[in-house]
């Protein structure tokens, strides 16, 4: 190498790592970027279950289209969403390997996609089953008779239209009773942005008695200073024999009510659910979260859910 003008230090043949070795390193390097530990674990678990058994021990430079298809083909139609994510993750690992000099040539995942090797799969969107808004007041009245922590959490979830994880991971430091606000931090929000939820009288009535528990979490589970299980509220719905509804579905219930009954502007209803509204340009200029308008909407929703006569009369008039 020296006689040819090459530096042996930089031109010696390097040992090629296996696919699994590169994947594990990519996982470690990206740990700080995961939204939470669960998402990071899901990333490597997909590769562990569907890629490592077939190509994990192979040198990363020897993986081509046939090897990628060995992983994807068996689950492409039966578990299409999983297969799609698996393809993305294999592609990332191979791209990183190429950038580090362990591979050359086109990424096989890209080649498979461009050539249309795998069949097209039509996937129907699956929506969470939701309770009709007309059925919420009697359901909530039944819920109020129950003392379990899951019932308190479900009441609060129903009133706020929040996601399950946002409510269950809620901490007391996020609640300000003086300004009547719950501020959910960006790391717990799906959109990655802070979300302020105006607290109504009923929401405050649910929260304040729970302070006596002096727990780290507002809705404490069976273990001290640990939140309720993700399944706690769903299991409660099943014990109540509620069919055709899920916990997440209450967000849809609220949204339909806001459109059909409250008749509020779209952006107010969407921001109440922490949805981004408008194009990137609009978002750049519209920086308000419409808190006060949302406060009025949430007060009306609480009134309806609790069977407020004024709201129920308005609904009856609308139906007529």
Foldseek 3Di string as FASTA:
>chain_A
DVVVVDDCVPPPDDDFAFLQVLLVVVLVVCVVVDLDPVVSVVLVVLCVVQPCVQRRRPRLAPDAQVSLCSRQVVCCAVPVVSSVSVLVSSQVSSVVCVVVPNYDDDRRSVVCVVVVVDDDYDDDDDDFFADALVPQQVVLVVLVVDDALLSLLLNLCLLQLEDLQQSQQAFPVQADVVQQWGWGALSSDPVSHIAITHHDPVNCVSQPVQVVLVARHSRCDPDGNHTHDSCSNVVVCVVVVPPRHDSNNSSVNLLVCCVQQVVDDPLLSCLSHVHDDDDPVVCVVPPDSPHVVNNVSSNLSVCVSNPNPVSVVSVVVSVD
